[in-house]
Protein backbone atom coordinates (compact mmCIF):
# COMPACT_ATOMS: atom_id res chain seq x y z
CA UNK A 1 0.13 0.16 0.08
CA UNK A 2 1.68 3.46 -0.96
CA UNK A 3 1.51 6.32 1.08
CA UNK A 4 -0.99 8.12 -0.32
CA UNK A 5 -3.60 5.33 -0.31
CA UNK A 6 -2.32 4.90 3.11
CA UNK A 7 -3.09 8.56 4.07
CA UNK A 8 -6.32 8.36 2.55
CA UNK A 9 -7.36 5.26 4.84
CA UNK A 10 -6.12 7.11 7.77
CA UNK A 11 -7.87 10.05 7.00
CA UNK A 12 -11.13 9.28 5.19
CA UNK A 13 -11.34 4.89 6.24
CA UNK A 14 -13.56 3.25 8.44
CA UNK A 15 -11.31 4.59 11.67
CA UNK A 16 -14.47 6.40 12.99
CA UNK A 17 -16.16 3.08 13.56
CA UNK A 18 -14.07 2.10 16.72
CA UNK A 19 -16.94 2.13 19.07
CA UNK A 20 -19.34 0.42 16.80
CA UNK A 21 -16.30 -2.28 16.25
CA UNK A 22 -15.27 -2.18 20.03
CA UNK A 23 -18.04 -1.13 22.45
CA UNK A 24 -17.63 -1.21 25.91
CA UNK A 25 -19.69 -4.45 26.24
CA UNK A 26 -16.91 -6.06 24.20
CA UNK A 27 -14.08 -4.24 26.32
CA UNK A 28 -15.67 -5.92 29.17
CA UNK A 29 -15.45 -9.33 27.73
CA UNK A 30 -11.98 -9.19 26.54
CA UNK A 31 -10.78 -7.92 29.90
CA UNK A 32 -12.45 -10.83 31.48
CA UNK A 33 -11.14 -13.22 28.75
CA UNK A 34 -7.52 -11.97 29.14
CA UNK A 35 -7.81 -12.19 33.07
CA UNK A 36 -8.98 -15.53 33.10
CA UNK A 37 -6.59 -16.83 30.43
CA UNK A 38 -3.58 -15.45 32.32
CA UNK A 39 -4.36 -17.31 35.66
CA UNK A 40 -3.36 -20.81 33.27
CA UNK A 41 0.05 -19.25 32.56
CA UNK A 42 3.16 -16.77 33.43
CA UNK A 43 2.42 -14.30 30.53
CA UNK A 44 0.87 -10.78 30.10
CA UNK A 45 -1.37 -9.89 27.23
CA UNK A 46 -2.29 -6.05 25.86
CA UNK A 47 -4.64 -5.58 23.42
CA UNK A 48 -4.50 -2.29 21.95
CA UNK A 49 -6.84 -0.71 19.13
CA UNK A 50 -5.98 2.00 17.45
CA UNK A 51 -8.54 3.88 15.19
CA UNK A 52 -5.76 5.59 12.77
CA UNK A 53 -2.51 7.00 12.36
CA UNK A 54 -1.74 10.69 12.22
CA UNK A 55 -1.14 12.15 8.65
CA UNK A 56 2.37 13.24 9.81
CA UNK A 57 3.10 9.45 11.23
CA UNK A 58 1.69 8.26 7.69
CA UNK A 59 3.73 10.91 5.68
CA UNK A 60 6.75 10.13 7.74
CA UNK A 61 6.64 6.10 6.75
CA UNK A 62 5.52 4.95 9.94
CA UNK A 63 3.92 1.27 9.10
CA UNK A 64 1.57 -0.77 11.41
CA UNK A 65 4.73 -2.75 12.83
CA UNK A 66 6.57 0.29 13.95
CA UNK A 67 3.53 1.75 15.62
CA UNK A 68 2.68 -1.35 17.30
CA UNK A 69 6.41 -1.71 18.68
CA UNK A 70 5.86 2.07 19.85
CA UNK A 71 2.64 0.97 21.81
CA UNK A 72 4.43 -1.99 23.50
CA UNK A 73 7.00 0.26 24.58
CA UNK A 74 4.36 2.87 25.86
CA UNK A 75 2.36 0.52 27.53
CA UNK A 76 4.93 -1.13 29.21
CA UNK A 77 4.35 -4.56 27.98
CA UNK A 78 7.94 -5.10 28.00
CA UNK A 79 8.14 -4.88 31.78
CA UNK A 80 7.32 -8.03 33.11
CA UNK A 81 9.45 -10.34 35.59
CA UNK A 82 9.78 -13.12 32.92
CA UNK A 83 9.51 -10.98 29.31
CA UNK A 84 6.43 -12.81 28.67
CA UNK A 85 4.26 -10.00 27.73
CA UNK A 86 2.35 -9.90 24.37
CA UNK A 87 0.55 -7.01 22.67
CA UNK A 88 -2.34 -7.42 20.11
CA UNK A 89 -2.19 -4.51 18.07
CA UNK A 90 -5.33 -3.50 15.85
CA UNK A 91 -4.95 -0.22 13.17
CA UNK A 92 -8.87 -0.12 12.23
CA UNK A 93 -8.03 2.38 9.45
CA UNK A 94 -5.74 0.14 7.55
CA UNK A 95 -7.18 -3.35 8.73
CA UNK A 96 -3.75 -4.28 10.11
CA UNK A 97 -3.22 -6.63 13.05
CA UNK A 98 0.58 -7.11 14.57
CA UNK A 99 1.57 -9.10 17.22
CA UNK A 100 4.31 -7.72 19.39
CA UNK A 101 5.99 -10.37 21.89
CA UNK A 102 8.96 -9.68 24.54
CA UNK A 103 12.16 -12.14 23.95
CA UNK A 104 10.81 -14.57 26.29
CA UNK A 105 8.04 -15.65 24.07
CA UNK A 106 9.93 -14.56 21.11
CA UNK A 107 12.60 -17.43 21.82
CA UNK A 108 9.99 -20.23 22.38
CA UNK A 109 7.12 -19.64 19.68
CA UNK A 110 7.97 -19.74 16.13
CA UNK A 111 7.07 -16.84 13.65
CA UNK A 112 4.49 -18.61 12.00
CA UNK A 113 2.01 -18.99 15.05
CA UNK A 114 1.70 -15.14 15.48
CA UNK A 115 1.08 -14.84 11.96
CA UNK A 116 -1.70 -17.75 11.95
CA UNK A 117 -3.44 -15.85 14.99
CA UNK A 118 -3.62 -12.69 12.88
CA UNK A 119 -4.97 -14.52 9.96
CA UNK A 120 -7.82 -15.75 12.07
CA UNK A 121 -8.66 -12.60 13.59
CA UNK A 122 -8.38 -10.69 10.08
CA UNK A 123 -10.67 -13.09 8.34
CA UNK A 124 -13.23 -12.66 11.29
CA UNK A 125 -12.74 -8.89 11.36
CA UNK A 126 -13.34 -8.79 7.35
CA UNK A 127 -16.84 -10.62 8.20
CA UNK A 128 -17.60 -8.08 10.60
CA UNK A 129 -17.20 -10.45 13.47
CA UNK A 130 -15.25 -8.37 15.80
CA UNK A 131 -16.21 -9.91 19.10
CA UNK A 132 -15.16 -13.60 17.92
CA UNK A 133 -12.05 -12.59 16.34
CA UNK A 134 -10.95 -10.59 19.24
CA UNK A 135 -11.87 -13.47 21.74
CA UNK A 136 -10.32 -16.07 19.41
CA UNK A 137 -7.17 -14.31 19.18
CA UNK A 138 -6.91 -13.85 22.94
CA UNK A 139 -7.61 -17.49 23.26
CA UNK A 140 -4.70 -18.19 20.67
CA UNK A 141 -2.46 -15.88 22.25
CA UNK A 142 -3.12 -17.52 26.09
CA UNK A 143 -2.75 -21.24 24.39
CA UNK A 144 0.79 -20.11 23.05
CA UNK A 145 1.82 -18.80 26.32
CA UNK A 146 0.58 -21.83 28.10
CA UNK A 147 2.48 -24.19 26.00
CA UNK A 148 6.06 -22.04 26.51
CA UNK A 149 5.07 -20.87 30.36
CA UNK A 150 2.69 -22.97 32.51
CA UNK A 151 1.38 -21.86 35.58
CA UNK A 152 3.46 -23.28 38.21
CA UNK A 153 0.28 -23.40 40.63
CA UNK A 154 1.48 -20.27 42.64
CA UNK A 155 -0.24 -17.24 42.52
CA UNK A 156 0.42 -15.18 39.60
CA UNK A 157 0.42 -11.28 39.95
CA UNK A 158 -1.38 -9.35 37.17
CA UNK A 159 1.57 -7.30 36.27
CA UNK A 160 -0.21 -5.23 33.53
CA UNK A 161 -3.70 -4.14 33.01
CA UNK A 162 -6.23 -6.61 31.61
CA UNK A 163 -8.79 -3.99 30.15
CA UNK A 164 -7.92 -3.39 26.05
CA UNK A 165 -6.85 -0.14 25.50
CA UNK A 166 -8.55 2.40 22.94
CA UNK A 167 -5.88 4.79 21.37
């Protein structure tokens, strides 16, 4: 996608549908799914949805991946005891989904697994199934984290907020 097309999508695309696609009831459901899933592994999951990028960011060539990495840092997803934080980032205007994982998980999960999660979410979102795509993506991340860092039966403190962030 060229710079002009990206600029057009971020200025005039479906970004204004943020609250329709992610209403507070869905955000509540997602927070519960994140919280409940984290009880079964030692990872931490954050979910962020951004309506659009600023025109200056698009013009400067900031990609959805680069923005996801910025959000990963801004939300402190990297700041977990075992380096097992994961961010699911959705850029609504460009219909992009990026997963950024901290080094504890990157070392243990094959890159294709992250791409499969994104593909499943993208297919659900394209069909207008925002709830199903979000909850399935969360469940798949939990399964990956559980395989690499299962709960050891001790209390697993919540290191990061569970509620999805709308940017």
